[in-house]
Amino acid sequence: MSTPKCPECNSSKVWKDGLRKAREGYIQRYLCRCCGLRFSETTWSVSEGPQHVQRVQTQVLNRGNALPYARRICVSEAKGAKNLAIVENPPKNGLAGATVQAVDVKAKIIKIVEFSLWLQRQGYKSAQNRVSMLKRLVNLGADIMDPQSVKDILAKNQTWKDSYKMLLKYAYESFLKMQGISWERPSYKQEEVLPFIPTEEELDQLIAGAGKRVGTFLQGLKDTGVDPGELAKLKWMDINTQSKTINITPVKGHKPRVLKVSDEFLRRVGALPRASEYVFNYVSIRTAYQDTKKSLARKLSNPRLLSITLTTFRHWKGTTEYHLTHDIIHVKELLGHKRINNTMKYINLEAAIFNTKNDQFHSAVAKNVEDACKLVQAGFEYVTGEYNDGGKIFRKRK
């Protein structure tokens, strides 16, 4: 039997969604990736002959965090279609609750679909995230056409951080902009929290304990300090094995750049199969990484591993790179920041983690250019100018 199409939007992009036990046997369920419709289709044989009887049963159910669909459609060749959302015998008090709910849900679905298309036309990079956040507000009972209702939902959830409420506010503002509705936006201030910085040993434990593809992804994050979304966009043609560099396609307003990678990363990448033009599948990487760090945290009895996100590798790289160079401009260019204010936090992190407030140094004197080059290669930094004896002073932390 060929893959069925969604009876709601006629899309062939469907997932298998478990089995349902019926009188005739087990029936495969499907889930439409386009409109969220859940339906089932089965084929079984009649014992009297080779003829086949086909029955298609379509059922829209409430899916966890999806929109609360409230209709059920059954289809058969003999009887045609019947929409159970229409109440044949309404209650005596005259309230057709099921019909009103179905119409209301359908109107919300249409609004969200229109919002998604509008974001794409306007060129929003985070269109999918904004649509998901609008759905979240709807699932929590907000009337998206009433700004006061949305404010009540945001105010009622005291466990949410102000930073998350800001994201919901921006997503809803985009929807109001599409509708041509103005509102008095609530005021939220994003809390500035310094990121968690693990040890290099802990990062190496995650890399060694992860699978082949996830471990390669983590090694790339450690080598380059790129945003996980940037490494997810890495194509095979972006890897230069001769110069040992990769070409980074920026996200989140970062700058494009070419970065050095280690021999270990190139060795790991070379062992991966080339299933598509992209090296990594970001969705599967994120899921597998969550399982990996939970397993290693139990195995190594180190709960700190649970606090290491994919972005933590970037924060670790920025902190250690500033510790090695003490050049904030270098760190800014490495991380692809357009504004140096985003890079300044690594100065405080480096001072706190490496305790460099009262540093002690090794000193050395270079008599000529050759001596100076050797000292720089050994990690020394230039301090002051030439003295009467012709020497120049360099220093390095102990």
Protein backbone atom coordinates (compact mmCIF):
# COMPACT_ATOMS: atom_id res chain seq x y z
CA MET A 1 0.00 0.00 0.00
CA SER A 2 1.39 3.38 -0.96
CA THR A 3 1.96 6.12 1.59
CA PRO A 4 -1.38 7.81 2.25
CA LYS A 5 -2.00 11.49 1.77
CA CYS A 6 -3.47 13.72 4.41
CA PRO A 7 -7.23 14.02 3.85
CA GLU A 8 -7.15 17.56 5.26
CA CYS A 9 -4.41 19.25 3.17
CA ASN A 10 -3.61 16.45 0.67
CA SER A 11 0.06 16.47 1.73
CA SER A 12 2.17 13.32 1.41
CA LYS A 13 4.50 14.50 4.21
CA VAL A 14 3.24 12.21 6.96
CA TRP A 15 4.84 10.34 9.86
CA LYS A 16 3.86 6.98 11.25
CA ASP A 17 2.34 7.58 14.68
CA GLY A 18 1.94 4.20 16.35
CA LEU A 19 -0.64 1.43 16.02
CA ARG A 20 -4.26 1.24 17.11
CA LYS A 21 -5.87 -2.08 17.98
CA ALA A 22 -9.23 -2.66 16.29
CA ARG A 23 -11.54 -5.61 15.68
CA GLU A 24 -9.94 -6.25 12.30
CA GLY A 25 -6.40 -6.12 13.71
CA TYR A 26 -3.81 -3.43 14.26
CA ILE A 27 -4.25 -0.19 12.32
CA GLN A 28 -1.36 2.11 11.47
CA ARG A 29 -1.77 5.72 12.56
CA TYR A 30 -0.26 8.67 10.70
CA LEU A 31 0.47 12.29 11.55
CA CYS A 32 0.55 15.07 8.93
CA ARG A 33 3.62 17.29 9.23
CA CYS A 34 1.94 20.17 7.44
CA CYS A 35 -1.39 20.68 9.20
CA GLY A 36 -1.04 18.43 12.27
CA LEU A 37 -3.92 16.11 11.32
CA ARG A 38 -3.83 12.65 12.88
CA PHE A 39 -5.45 9.89 10.85
CA SER A 40 -5.28 6.15 10.27
CA GLU A 41 -5.49 3.91 7.20
CA THR A 42 -5.62 0.12 7.01
CA THR A 43 -6.07 -2.66 4.45
CA TRP A 44 -7.03 -6.24 5.25
CA SER A 45 -8.13 -9.32 3.28
CA VAL A 46 -11.52 -10.99 3.30
CA SER A 47 -11.24 -14.74 3.89
CA GLU A 48 -13.81 -15.67 1.22
CA GLY A 49 -11.70 -14.46 -1.71
CA PRO A 50 -8.80 -12.31 -2.94
CA GLN A 51 -10.83 -9.13 -2.78
CA HIS A 52 -9.59 -6.44 -0.46
CA VAL A 53 -11.68 -4.14 1.66
CA GLN A 54 -10.19 -0.75 2.39
CA ARG A 55 -11.26 1.50 5.16
CA VAL A 56 -9.87 4.94 5.85
CA GLN A 57 -10.64 6.42 9.24
CA THR A 58 -9.55 9.98 9.85
CA GLN A 59 -9.44 11.28 13.37
CA VAL A 60 -8.19 14.60 14.67
CA LEU A 61 -7.09 14.39 18.28
CA ASN A 62 -5.59 16.70 20.85
CA ARG A 63 -1.80 16.26 20.49
CA GLY A 64 0.00 17.40 23.63
CA ASN A 65 1.30 20.88 22.83
CA ALA A 66 -0.51 21.11 19.48
CA LEU A 67 -3.69 23.06 18.91
CA PRO A 68 -6.79 21.46 20.45
CA TYR A 69 -8.52 20.23 17.33
CA ALA A 70 -12.15 19.37 18.00
CA ARG A 71 -13.49 17.46 15.03
CA ARG A 72 -13.60 13.86 13.86
CA ILE A 73 -14.14 12.75 10.27
CA CYS A 74 -14.89 9.16 9.26
CA VAL A 75 -14.73 8.14 5.58
CA SER A 76 -15.91 4.95 3.89
CA GLU A 77 -16.58 4.05 0.28
CA ALA A 78 -20.13 2.99 0.98
CA LYS A 79 -21.45 5.76 3.18
CA GLY A 80 -19.37 8.75 2.09
CA ALA A 81 -18.17 11.34 4.59
CA LYS A 82 -19.65 12.44 7.86
CA ASN A 83 -18.34 15.36 9.89
CA LEU A 84 -18.91 14.63 13.55
CA ALA A 85 -18.06 18.23 14.47
CA ILE A 86 -21.62 19.13 13.38
CA VAL A 87 -23.98 18.35 16.23
CA GLU A 88 -27.04 16.56 14.82
CA ASN A 89 -28.98 16.66 18.08
CA PRO A 90 -27.94 19.78 19.98
CA PRO A 91 -28.73 20.04 23.70
CA LYS A 92 -32.18 21.15 24.69
CA ASN A 93 -30.86 24.43 26.03
CA GLY A 94 -29.87 25.33 22.46
CA LEU A 95 -26.08 25.50 23.02
CA ALA A 96 -24.17 23.65 20.33
CA GLY A 97 -20.88 23.65 22.24
CA ALA A 98 -19.03 21.25 19.98
CA THR A 99 -19.83 23.25 16.85
CA VAL A 100 -18.79 26.55 18.43
CA GLN A 101 -15.54 25.03 19.67
CA ALA A 102 -14.73 23.53 16.27
CA VAL A 103 -15.35 26.82 14.49
CA ASP A 104 -13.25 28.72 17.05
CA VAL A 105 -10.35 26.26 16.74
CA LYS A 106 -10.48 26.40 12.95
CA ALA A 107 -10.33 30.21 13.05
CA LYS A 108 -7.24 30.07 15.28
CA ILE A 109 -5.57 27.60 12.95
CA ILE A 110 -6.21 29.87 9.97
CA LYS A 111 -4.74 32.85 11.85
CA ILE A 112 -1.58 30.94 12.73
CA VAL A 113 -1.13 29.68 9.17
CA GLU A 114 -1.56 33.22 7.86
CA PHE A 115 0.98 34.43 10.45
CA SER A 116 3.52 31.84 9.31
CA LEU A 117 3.15 32.85 5.66
CA TRP A 118 3.35 36.55 6.55
CA LEU A 119 6.60 36.05 8.47
CA GLN A 120 8.13 34.24 5.50
CA ARG A 121 7.11 37.05 3.13
CA GLN A 122 8.58 39.64 5.50
CA GLY A 123 11.88 37.75 5.59
CA TYR A 124 11.99 36.95 9.32
CA LYS A 125 14.86 34.59 10.09
CA SER A 126 13.15 33.20 13.21
CA ALA A 127 9.75 32.63 11.60
CA GLN A 128 9.33 29.08 12.92
CA ASN A 129 10.21 30.10 16.48
CA ARG A 130 7.68 32.93 16.46
CA VAL A 131 4.95 30.65 15.15
CA SER A 132 5.74 28.09 17.88
CA MET A 133 5.53 30.78 20.55
CA LEU A 134 2.20 32.01 19.24
CA LYS A 135 0.91 28.43 19.39
CA ARG A 136 2.14 28.24 22.97
CA LEU A 137 0.05 31.26 23.90
CA VAL A 138 -3.02 29.75 22.20
CA ASN A 139 -2.56 26.43 24.01
CA LEU A 140 -2.44 28.29 27.32
CA GLY A 141 -5.86 29.78 26.58
CA ALA A 142 -4.93 33.22 25.28
CA ASP A 143 -7.21 35.00 22.82
CA ILE A 144 -4.61 36.20 20.32
CA MET A 145 -6.99 38.82 18.97
CA ASP A 146 -7.23 40.38 22.44
CA PRO A 147 -3.89 41.85 23.70
CA GLN A 148 -5.22 42.03 27.25
CA SER A 149 -5.76 38.27 27.26
CA VAL A 150 -2.13 37.71 26.23
CA LYS A 151 -0.94 40.07 28.98
CA ASP A 152 -2.91 38.06 31.53
CA ILE A 153 -1.24 34.83 30.40
CA LEU A 154 2.24 36.38 30.65
CA ALA A 155 1.51 37.83 34.09
CA LYS A 156 0.00 34.59 35.42
CA ASN A 157 3.07 32.43 34.71
CA GLN A 158 5.40 33.56 37.49
CA THR A 159 7.88 30.71 36.89
CA TRP A 160 8.86 32.05 33.46
CA LYS A 161 11.98 34.19 33.27
CA ASP A 162 11.64 37.71 31.95
CA SER A 163 13.92 36.77 29.06
CA TYR A 164 11.44 34.11 27.91
CA LYS A 165 8.50 36.49 28.34
CA MET A 166 10.37 38.98 26.13
CA LEU A 167 10.60 36.38 23.35
CA LEU A 168 6.87 35.65 23.64
CA LYS A 169 6.18 39.38 23.59
CA TYR A 170 8.22 39.92 20.41
CA ALA A 171 6.48 36.99 18.69
CA TYR A 172 3.06 38.33 19.61
CA GLU A 173 4.01 41.84 18.49
CA SER A 174 4.79 40.44 15.05
CA PHE A 175 1.31 38.92 14.94
CA LEU A 176 -0.27 42.24 15.97
CA LYS A 177 1.75 44.00 13.29
CA MET A 178 0.29 41.64 10.69
CA GLN A 179 -3.23 42.33 12.00
CA GLY A 180 -2.67 46.10 12.20
CA ILE A 181 -3.44 46.14 15.94
CA SER A 182 -1.58 48.30 18.43
CA TRP A 183 -1.08 47.55 22.12
CA GLU A 184 0.73 48.82 25.18
CA ARG A 185 3.55 46.37 25.51
CA PRO A 186 4.45 45.03 28.98
CA SER A 187 7.91 45.88 30.28
CA TYR A 188 10.40 43.07 30.85
CA LYS A 189 14.13 43.28 31.48
CA GLN A 190 16.39 40.44 30.48
CA GLU A 191 18.48 39.11 33.34
CA GLU A 192 22.21 39.17 32.62
CA VAL A 193 23.71 35.93 33.90
CA LEU A 194 27.28 34.83 33.26
CA PRO A 195 27.37 31.46 31.48
CA PHE A 196 28.61 28.24 33.06
CA ILE A 197 32.20 27.43 32.07
CA PRO A 198 33.26 23.76 32.46
CA THR A 199 36.79 22.41 32.52
CA GLU A 200 38.49 21.19 29.36
CA GLU A 201 38.56 17.69 30.84
CA GLU A 202 34.77 17.68 31.11
CA LEU A 203 34.39 18.72 27.48
CA ASP A 204 36.79 15.96 26.42
CA GLN A 205 34.74 13.44 28.41
CA LEU A 206 31.62 14.40 26.47
CA ILE A 207 33.44 14.20 23.15
CA ALA A 208 34.93 10.79 23.94
CA GLY A 209 31.66 9.37 25.28
CA ALA A 210 29.46 10.57 22.40
CA GLY A 211 28.70 8.70 19.22
CA LYS A 212 30.63 9.13 15.99
CA ARG A 213 28.59 11.98 14.50
CA VAL A 214 27.79 13.75 17.79
CA GLY A 215 31.40 13.47 18.92
CA THR A 216 32.57 15.05 15.66
CA PHE A 217 30.10 17.90 16.12
CA LEU A 218 31.31 18.53 19.68
CA GLN A 219 34.95 18.46 18.55
CA GLY A 220 34.16 21.11 15.95
CA LEU A 221 32.49 23.30 18.58
CA LYS A 222 35.53 23.01 20.84
CA ASP A 223 38.02 23.80 18.07
CA THR A 224 36.26 26.83 16.63
CA GLY A 225 33.89 28.26 19.25
CA VAL A 226 31.19 28.77 16.62
CA ASP A 227 27.49 28.91 17.38
CA PRO A 228 25.90 25.41 17.12
CA GLY A 229 23.60 26.73 14.40
CA GLU A 230 26.63 27.82 12.36
CA LEU A 231 28.27 24.41 12.56
CA ALA A 232 24.92 22.81 11.65
CA LYS A 233 25.09 24.71 8.33
CA LEU A 234 28.51 23.27 7.50
CA LYS A 235 28.64 21.70 4.04
CA TRP A 236 31.20 19.24 2.77
CA MET A 237 32.45 21.81 0.30
CA ASP A 238 33.16 24.21 3.21
CA ILE A 239 35.90 21.95 4.58
CA ASN A 240 39.45 22.58 3.33
CA THR A 241 41.66 19.68 4.43
CA GLN A 242 44.83 21.24 2.98
CA SER A 243 44.66 24.49 4.95
CA LYS A 244 42.83 22.76 7.84
CA THR A 245 40.05 25.35 7.85
CA ILE A 246 36.28 25.47 7.58
CA ASN A 247 34.13 28.22 6.08
CA ILE A 248 31.48 29.42 8.56
CA THR A 249 28.06 30.59 7.38
CA PRO A 250 26.88 33.04 10.08
CA VAL A 251 23.67 33.03 12.12
CA LYS A 252 22.20 35.49 14.68
CA GLY A 253 23.82 38.47 13.01
CA HIS A 254 27.38 37.12 13.30
CA LYS A 255 30.09 37.77 10.73
CA PRO A 256 31.21 35.14 8.18
CA ARG A 257 34.69 33.81 8.83
CA VAL A 258 37.21 31.08 8.07
CA LEU A 259 38.49 29.21 11.14
CA LYS A 260 41.20 26.68 11.85
CA VAL A 261 40.27 23.18 12.99
CA SER A 262 42.31 20.42 14.57
CA ASP A 263 43.59 17.25 12.94
CA GLU A 264 41.27 15.31 15.24
CA PHE A 265 38.21 17.05 13.79
CA LEU A 266 39.37 16.40 10.22
CA ARG A 267 39.99 12.73 11.06
CA ARG A 268 36.52 12.38 12.55
CA VAL A 269 34.82 14.17 9.64
CA GLY A 270 36.63 11.98 7.15
CA ALA A 271 35.07 8.89 8.73
CA LEU A 272 31.49 10.17 8.38
CA PRO A 273 29.23 9.04 5.50
CA ARG A 274 28.18 11.69 3.00
CA ALA A 275 24.40 11.28 3.08
CA SER A 276 23.66 14.87 1.94
CA GLU A 277 25.39 18.14 1.14
CA TYR A 278 25.40 19.02 4.85
CA VAL A 279 27.77 17.31 7.25
CA PHE A 280 25.39 17.23 10.24
CA ASN A 281 21.68 16.80 10.95
CA TYR A 282 21.13 19.34 13.72
CA VAL A 283 17.81 17.93 14.93
CA SER A 284 19.20 14.44 15.52
CA ILE A 285 22.43 15.90 16.97
CA ARG A 286 20.57 17.83 19.66
CA THR A 287 18.43 14.84 20.65
CA ALA A 288 21.37 12.43 20.79
CA TYR A 289 23.48 14.92 22.77
CA GLN A 290 20.86 15.18 25.52
CA ASP A 291 20.89 11.39 25.93
CA THR A 292 24.69 11.32 25.84
CA LYS A 293 25.30 13.83 28.61
CA LYS A 294 22.64 12.27 30.86
CA SER A 295 24.24 8.86 30.47
CA LEU A 296 27.76 10.17 31.09
CA ALA A 297 26.65 12.23 34.11
CA ARG A 298 25.35 9.04 35.74
CA LYS A 299 28.29 6.92 34.66
CA LEU A 300 30.97 9.40 35.80
CA SER A 301 28.96 10.67 38.80
CA ASN A 302 29.48 14.22 37.59
CA PRO A 303 26.22 16.25 37.55
CA ARG A 304 28.13 19.25 36.15
CA LEU A 305 27.94 17.58 32.73
CA LEU A 306 24.19 18.19 32.70
CA SER A 307 24.83 21.95 32.68
CA ILE A 308 26.93 21.78 29.51
CA THR A 309 24.82 22.80 26.53
CA LEU A 310 26.01 22.99 22.93
CA THR A 311 26.46 26.76 23.36
CA THR A 312 28.66 26.15 26.42
CA PHE A 313 31.48 25.06 24.10
CA ARG A 314 31.38 28.55 22.56
CA HIS A 315 31.58 30.25 25.96
CA TRP A 316 34.48 28.01 26.98
CA LYS A 317 36.37 28.83 23.79
CA GLY A 318 35.89 32.58 24.22
CA THR A 319 37.07 32.45 27.85
CA THR A 320 40.15 30.29 27.23
CA GLU A 321 41.11 32.20 24.08
CA TYR A 322 41.10 35.47 25.98
CA HIS A 323 43.18 33.86 28.74
CA LEU A 324 45.80 32.79 26.21
CA THR A 325 45.97 36.03 24.23
CA HIS A 326 44.46 38.79 26.40
CA ASP A 327 43.39 40.31 23.09
CA ILE A 328 39.68 41.11 23.22
CA ILE A 329 39.66 42.14 19.53
CA HIS A 330 41.03 38.72 18.58
CA VAL A 331 38.28 36.99 20.59
CA LYS A 332 35.66 39.24 19.00
CA GLU A 333 36.78 38.27 15.48
CA LEU A 334 37.03 34.59 16.42
CA LEU A 335 33.47 34.45 17.72
CA GLY A 336 32.11 36.59 14.86
CA HIS A 337 30.64 39.32 17.07
CA LYS A 338 29.76 42.59 15.35
CA ARG A 339 29.68 44.53 18.62
CA ILE A 340 32.48 44.30 21.15
CA ASN A 341 29.99 44.66 24.02
CA ASN A 342 28.99 41.04 23.40
CA THR A 343 32.62 39.98 23.87
CA MET A 344 33.44 41.98 27.01
CA LYS A 345 31.87 39.37 29.32
CA TYR A 346 34.77 37.01 28.65
CA ILE A 347 37.12 39.41 30.47
CA ASN A 348 35.18 38.90 33.71
CA LEU A 349 34.86 35.16 33.12
CA GLU A 350 38.58 34.78 32.52
CA ALA A 351 39.46 36.76 35.64
CA ALA A 352 37.08 34.72 37.81
CA ILE A 353 37.94 31.28 36.46
CA PHE A 354 41.71 31.61 36.07
CA ASN A 355 42.11 33.97 39.04
CA THR A 356 44.32 36.40 37.14
CA LYS A 357 43.88 39.45 39.35
CA ASN A 358 47.26 38.95 41.07
CA ASP A 359 49.20 37.25 38.31
CA GLN A 360 52.80 36.26 38.61
CA PHE A 361 54.92 36.18 35.47
CA HIS A 362 58.01 34.62 33.99
CA SER A 363 60.23 37.20 32.29
CA ALA A 364 62.66 36.85 29.41
CA VAL A 365 64.86 39.14 27.31
CA ALA A 366 65.16 39.00 23.51
CA LYS A 367 68.45 40.24 22.08
CA ASN A 368 67.38 39.97 18.45
CA VAL A 369 64.46 39.12 16.17
CA GLU A 370 65.16 35.39 16.34
CA ASP A 371 64.99 35.39 20.15
CA ALA A 372 61.78 37.44 20.05
CA CYS A 373 60.12 34.96 17.66
CA LYS A 374 61.04 32.02 19.88
CA LEU A 375 59.59 33.74 22.95
CA VAL A 376 56.33 34.57 21.16
CA GLN A 377 56.00 30.97 20.02
CA ALA A 378 56.50 29.87 23.63
CA GLY A 379 53.58 32.05 24.77
CA PHE A 380 55.47 35.15 25.92
CA GLU A 381 54.05 38.60 25.26
CA TYR A 382 55.95 41.81 24.56
CA VAL A 383 56.16 44.22 27.51
CA THR A 384 58.40 47.18 26.86
CA GLY A 385 60.89 48.77 24.49
CA GLU A 386 64.59 48.39 23.96
CA TYR A 387 67.08 49.06 26.74
CA ASN A 388 70.67 50.32 26.54
CA ASP A 389 72.02 46.80 26.18
CA GLY A 390 69.75 46.21 23.19
CA GLY A 391 67.40 43.71 24.88
CA LYS A 392 63.58 43.70 24.86
CA ILE A 393 61.54 42.32 27.73
CA PHE A 394 58.80 39.66 27.33
CA ARG A 395 56.61 38.03 29.96
CA LYS A 396 54.37 34.98 30.42
CA ARG A 397 52.08 33.96 33.25
CA LYS A 398 53.28 31.25 35.60
